[in-house]
């Protein structure tokens, strides 16, 4: 979520409950709290606002990851085929 939301990873907290991860952070600029839930399907990441819909429709970006040695790449693939890759 740090990568997707453009936030520093050190402000992210997470708790695992069953197969879901509950992730939150407080944005430094205005102290607003954001809460999400995340599930993994292989190397795919599916997320939702805590009380919203899962971002898994055809029009939502697809998020995946690649772990290679000590490097983690988060890949967002948008409906137009463009990608954003964060390491």
N, C-alpha and C. Protein backbone atom coordinates (compact mmCIF):
# COMPACT_ATOMS: atom_id res chain seq x y z
N UNK A 1 0.83 -1.19 0.00
CA UNK A 1 0.00 0.00 0.00
C UNK A 1 0.87 1.25 0.00
N UNK A 2 2.05 1.15 0.61
CA UNK A 2 2.96 2.29 0.58
C UNK A 2 3.28 2.66 -0.86
N UNK A 3 3.61 1.69 -1.66
CA UNK A 3 3.95 1.92 -3.06
C UNK A 3 2.75 2.46 -3.83
N UNK A 4 1.60 1.86 -3.66
CA UNK A 4 0.40 2.23 -4.41
C UNK A 4 -0.07 3.63 -4.04
N UNK A 5 0.02 3.97 -2.76
CA UNK A 5 -0.48 5.26 -2.29
C UNK A 5 0.60 6.34 -2.21
N UNK A 6 1.83 5.98 -2.57
CA UNK A 6 2.90 6.97 -2.57
C UNK A 6 3.31 7.42 -1.18
N UNK A 7 3.30 6.51 -0.24
CA UNK A 7 3.64 6.82 1.15
C UNK A 7 4.92 6.08 1.55
N UNK A 8 5.65 6.61 2.53
CA UNK A 8 6.85 5.90 2.99
C UNK A 8 6.46 4.61 3.72
N UNK A 9 7.13 3.51 3.41
CA UNK A 9 6.79 2.23 4.05
C UNK A 9 6.84 2.26 5.58
N UNK A 10 7.69 3.10 6.15
CA UNK A 10 7.84 3.10 7.61
C UNK A 10 6.59 3.56 8.35
N UNK A 11 5.65 4.23 7.68
CA UNK A 11 4.44 4.67 8.38
C UNK A 11 3.31 3.66 8.29
N UNK A 12 3.50 2.59 7.54
CA UNK A 12 2.46 1.57 7.34
C UNK A 12 2.47 0.56 8.48
N UNK A 13 1.28 0.27 9.01
CA UNK A 13 1.15 -0.80 9.99
C UNK A 13 0.22 -1.86 9.40
N UNK A 14 0.44 -3.11 9.79
CA UNK A 14 -0.41 -4.18 9.26
C UNK A 14 -0.65 -5.24 10.32
N UNK A 15 -1.80 -5.88 10.19
CA UNK A 15 -2.20 -6.98 11.06
C UNK A 15 -2.79 -8.06 10.16
N UNK A 16 -2.38 -9.31 10.38
CA UNK A 16 -2.93 -10.42 9.62
C UNK A 16 -4.03 -11.09 10.43
N UNK A 17 -5.18 -11.28 9.79
CA UNK A 17 -6.30 -12.01 10.40
C UNK A 17 -6.81 -12.99 9.36
N UNK A 18 -6.55 -14.26 9.59
CA UNK A 18 -6.92 -15.27 8.61
C UNK A 18 -6.12 -15.07 7.34
N UNK A 19 -6.80 -14.99 6.21
CA UNK A 19 -6.13 -14.79 4.92
C UNK A 19 -6.03 -13.32 4.52
N UNK A 20 -6.50 -12.42 5.38
CA UNK A 20 -6.50 -11.00 5.05
C UNK A 20 -5.47 -10.25 5.88
N UNK A 21 -4.94 -9.20 5.28
CA UNK A 21 -4.08 -8.26 5.99
C UNK A 21 -4.83 -6.94 6.10
N UNK A 22 -4.83 -6.38 7.28
CA UNK A 22 -5.44 -5.08 7.50
C UNK A 22 -4.31 -4.07 7.66
N UNK A 23 -4.31 -3.08 6.78
CA UNK A 23 -3.20 -2.14 6.66
C UNK A 23 -3.72 -0.74 6.91
N UNK A 24 -2.93 0.05 7.63
CA UNK A 24 -3.33 1.44 7.85
C UNK A 24 -2.11 2.34 7.92
N UNK A 25 -2.37 3.61 7.72
CA UNK A 25 -1.33 4.63 7.90
C UNK A 25 -2.00 5.97 8.17
N UNK A 26 -1.25 6.86 8.76
CA UNK A 26 -1.70 8.22 9.00
C UNK A 26 -0.86 9.12 8.11
N UNK A 27 -1.55 9.85 7.22
CA UNK A 27 -0.85 10.74 6.30
C UNK A 27 -0.27 11.92 7.07
N UNK A 28 1.00 12.15 6.89
CA UNK A 28 1.72 13.17 7.64
C UNK A 28 1.18 14.58 7.39
N UNK A 29 0.81 14.88 6.14
CA UNK A 29 0.41 16.25 5.79
C UNK A 29 -0.83 16.74 6.51
N UNK A 30 -1.79 15.84 6.79
CA UNK A 30 -3.03 16.29 7.43
C UNK A 30 -3.50 15.38 8.57
N UNK A 31 -2.67 14.39 8.92
CA UNK A 31 -2.96 13.46 10.02
C UNK A 31 -4.22 12.63 9.77
N UNK A 32 -4.63 12.48 8.51
CA UNK A 32 -5.79 11.66 8.17
C UNK A 32 -5.37 10.20 8.14
N UNK A 33 -6.24 9.33 8.72
CA UNK A 33 -5.96 7.91 8.77
C UNK A 33 -6.64 7.20 7.60
N UNK A 34 -5.90 6.26 6.99
CA UNK A 34 -6.41 5.46 5.89
C UNK A 34 -6.32 3.99 6.28
N UNK A 35 -7.38 3.23 6.01
CA UNK A 35 -7.45 1.81 6.34
C UNK A 35 -7.82 1.00 5.11
N UNK A 36 -7.11 -0.11 4.92
CA UNK A 36 -7.33 -0.98 3.77
C UNK A 36 -7.31 -2.43 4.22
N UNK A 37 -7.82 -3.29 3.35
CA UNK A 37 -7.64 -4.73 3.53
C UNK A 37 -7.02 -5.26 2.25
N UNK A 38 -6.18 -6.29 2.41
CA UNK A 38 -5.43 -6.84 1.29
C UNK A 38 -5.49 -8.35 1.34
N UNK A 39 -5.57 -8.95 0.15
CA UNK A 39 -5.45 -10.40 0.07
C UNK A 39 -4.49 -10.72 -1.07
N UNK A 40 -3.81 -11.85 -0.93
CA UNK A 40 -2.84 -12.30 -1.92
C UNK A 40 -3.39 -13.52 -2.64
N UNK A 41 -3.21 -13.54 -3.94
CA UNK A 41 -3.52 -14.72 -4.76
C UNK A 41 -2.28 -14.98 -5.61
N UNK A 42 -1.41 -15.86 -5.10
CA UNK A 42 -0.13 -16.07 -5.76
C UNK A 42 0.70 -14.81 -5.65
N UNK A 43 1.12 -14.26 -6.79
CA UNK A 43 1.89 -13.01 -6.75
C UNK A 43 0.99 -11.80 -7.04
N UNK A 44 -0.32 -12.00 -7.00
CA UNK A 44 -1.27 -10.90 -7.21
C UNK A 44 -1.73 -10.34 -5.87
N UNK A 45 -1.91 -9.03 -5.84
CA UNK A 45 -2.37 -8.34 -4.64
C UNK A 45 -3.72 -7.71 -4.96
N UNK A 46 -4.73 -8.03 -4.17
CA UNK A 46 -6.05 -7.45 -4.35
C UNK A 46 -6.35 -6.65 -3.08
N UNK A 47 -6.80 -5.41 -3.26
CA UNK A 47 -7.02 -4.55 -2.10
C UNK A 47 -8.38 -3.89 -2.15
N UNK A 48 -8.75 -3.36 -1.00
CA UNK A 48 -10.03 -2.67 -0.84
C UNK A 48 -9.89 -1.65 0.27
N UNK A 49 -10.64 -0.55 0.17
CA UNK A 49 -10.78 0.29 1.35
C UNK A 49 -11.44 -0.58 2.41
N UNK A 50 -11.24 -0.26 3.65
CA UNK A 50 -11.70 -1.12 4.73
C UNK A 50 -13.20 -1.42 4.62
N UNK A 51 -14.00 -0.47 4.15
CA UNK A 51 -15.44 -0.69 4.04
C UNK A 51 -15.91 -0.60 2.58
N UNK A 52 -14.99 -0.79 1.64
CA UNK A 52 -15.33 -0.65 0.23
C UNK A 52 -15.26 -1.96 -0.53
N UNK A 53 -15.34 -1.85 -1.83
CA UNK A 53 -15.34 -3.03 -2.71
C UNK A 53 -13.90 -3.46 -2.99
N UNK A 54 -13.74 -4.73 -3.32
CA UNK A 54 -12.45 -5.23 -3.74
C UNK A 54 -12.11 -4.64 -5.11
N UNK A 55 -10.88 -4.24 -5.30
CA UNK A 55 -10.42 -3.65 -6.57
C UNK A 55 -10.02 -4.78 -7.53
N UNK A 56 -11.02 -5.46 -8.02
CA UNK A 56 -10.74 -6.62 -8.89
C UNK A 56 -11.59 -6.63 -10.16
N UNK A 57 -12.17 -5.48 -10.51
CA UNK A 57 -12.95 -5.44 -11.75
C UNK A 57 -12.01 -5.26 -12.95
N UNK A 58 -12.55 -5.41 -14.12
CA UNK A 58 -11.79 -5.27 -15.36
C UNK A 58 -11.12 -3.89 -15.46
N UNK A 59 -11.75 -2.87 -14.91
CA UNK A 59 -11.26 -1.49 -15.03
C UNK A 59 -10.28 -1.08 -13.94
N UNK A 60 -10.17 -1.87 -12.88
CA UNK A 60 -9.22 -1.57 -11.81
C UNK A 60 -7.82 -1.97 -12.23
N UNK A 61 -6.83 -1.26 -11.70
CA UNK A 61 -5.45 -1.65 -11.98
C UNK A 61 -5.19 -3.02 -11.36
N UNK A 62 -4.30 -3.77 -11.98
CA UNK A 62 -3.89 -5.08 -11.46
C UNK A 62 -2.55 -4.87 -10.77
N UNK A 63 -2.43 -5.41 -9.57
CA UNK A 63 -1.22 -5.24 -8.80
C UNK A 63 -0.59 -6.61 -8.57
N UNK A 64 0.70 -6.67 -8.82
CA UNK A 64 1.43 -7.91 -8.60
C UNK A 64 2.81 -7.56 -8.05
N UNK A 65 3.53 -8.59 -7.65
CA UNK A 65 4.88 -8.35 -7.13
C UNK A 65 5.81 -9.43 -7.63
N UNK A 66 7.09 -9.05 -7.68
CA UNK A 66 8.16 -9.98 -8.00
C UNK A 66 9.22 -9.81 -6.93
N UNK A 67 9.58 -10.93 -6.32
CA UNK A 67 10.61 -10.94 -5.28
C UNK A 67 11.84 -11.59 -5.88
N UNK A 68 12.96 -10.86 -5.88
CA UNK A 68 14.18 -11.37 -6.47
C UNK A 68 15.35 -11.00 -5.57
N UNK A 69 15.94 -12.00 -4.92
CA UNK A 69 17.01 -11.78 -3.93
C UNK A 69 16.50 -10.84 -2.86
N UNK A 70 17.14 -9.71 -2.68
CA UNK A 70 16.72 -8.74 -1.65
C UNK A 70 15.93 -7.59 -2.24
N UNK A 71 15.35 -7.79 -3.42
CA UNK A 71 14.62 -6.72 -4.09
C UNK A 71 13.16 -7.13 -4.30
N UNK A 72 12.26 -6.22 -3.97
CA UNK A 72 10.83 -6.45 -4.16
C UNK A 72 10.33 -5.41 -5.15
N UNK A 73 9.71 -5.87 -6.22
CA UNK A 73 9.13 -4.97 -7.22
C UNK A 73 7.62 -5.07 -7.14
N UNK A 74 6.95 -3.91 -7.03
CA UNK A 74 5.50 -3.83 -7.03
C UNK A 74 5.10 -3.29 -8.40
N UNK A 75 4.26 -4.03 -9.11
CA UNK A 75 3.88 -3.68 -10.47
C UNK A 75 2.40 -3.37 -10.52
N UNK A 76 2.07 -2.16 -10.94
CA UNK A 76 0.68 -1.78 -11.18
C UNK A 76 0.48 -1.78 -12.69
N UNK A 77 -0.48 -2.56 -13.16
CA UNK A 77 -0.82 -2.61 -14.57
C UNK A 77 -2.22 -2.03 -14.72
N UNK A 78 -2.33 -0.96 -15.50
CA UNK A 78 -3.59 -0.24 -15.65
C UNK A 78 -4.39 -0.79 -16.81
N UNK A 79 -5.67 -0.44 -16.87
CA UNK A 79 -6.57 -1.00 -17.88
C UNK A 79 -6.13 -0.67 -19.31
N UNK A 80 -5.34 0.38 -19.50
CA UNK A 80 -4.84 0.71 -20.84
C UNK A 80 -3.55 -0.04 -21.18
N UNK A 81 -3.08 -0.90 -20.26
CA UNK A 81 -1.88 -1.68 -20.49
C UNK A 81 -0.60 -1.04 -19.98
N UNK A 82 -0.66 0.23 -19.58
CA UNK A 82 0.54 0.89 -19.05
C UNK A 82 0.86 0.35 -17.66
N UNK A 83 2.12 0.51 -17.26
CA UNK A 83 2.56 -0.03 -15.97
C UNK A 83 3.35 1.00 -15.19
N UNK A 84 3.30 0.86 -13.88
CA UNK A 84 4.16 1.59 -12.96
C UNK A 84 4.85 0.53 -12.11
N UNK A 85 6.17 0.57 -12.05
CA UNK A 85 6.92 -0.42 -11.29
C UNK A 85 7.73 0.31 -10.22
N UNK A 86 7.53 -0.07 -8.97
CA UNK A 86 8.25 0.50 -7.83
C UNK A 86 9.11 -0.59 -7.21
N UNK A 87 10.32 -0.24 -6.84
CA UNK A 87 11.22 -1.22 -6.20
C UNK A 87 11.46 -0.81 -4.76
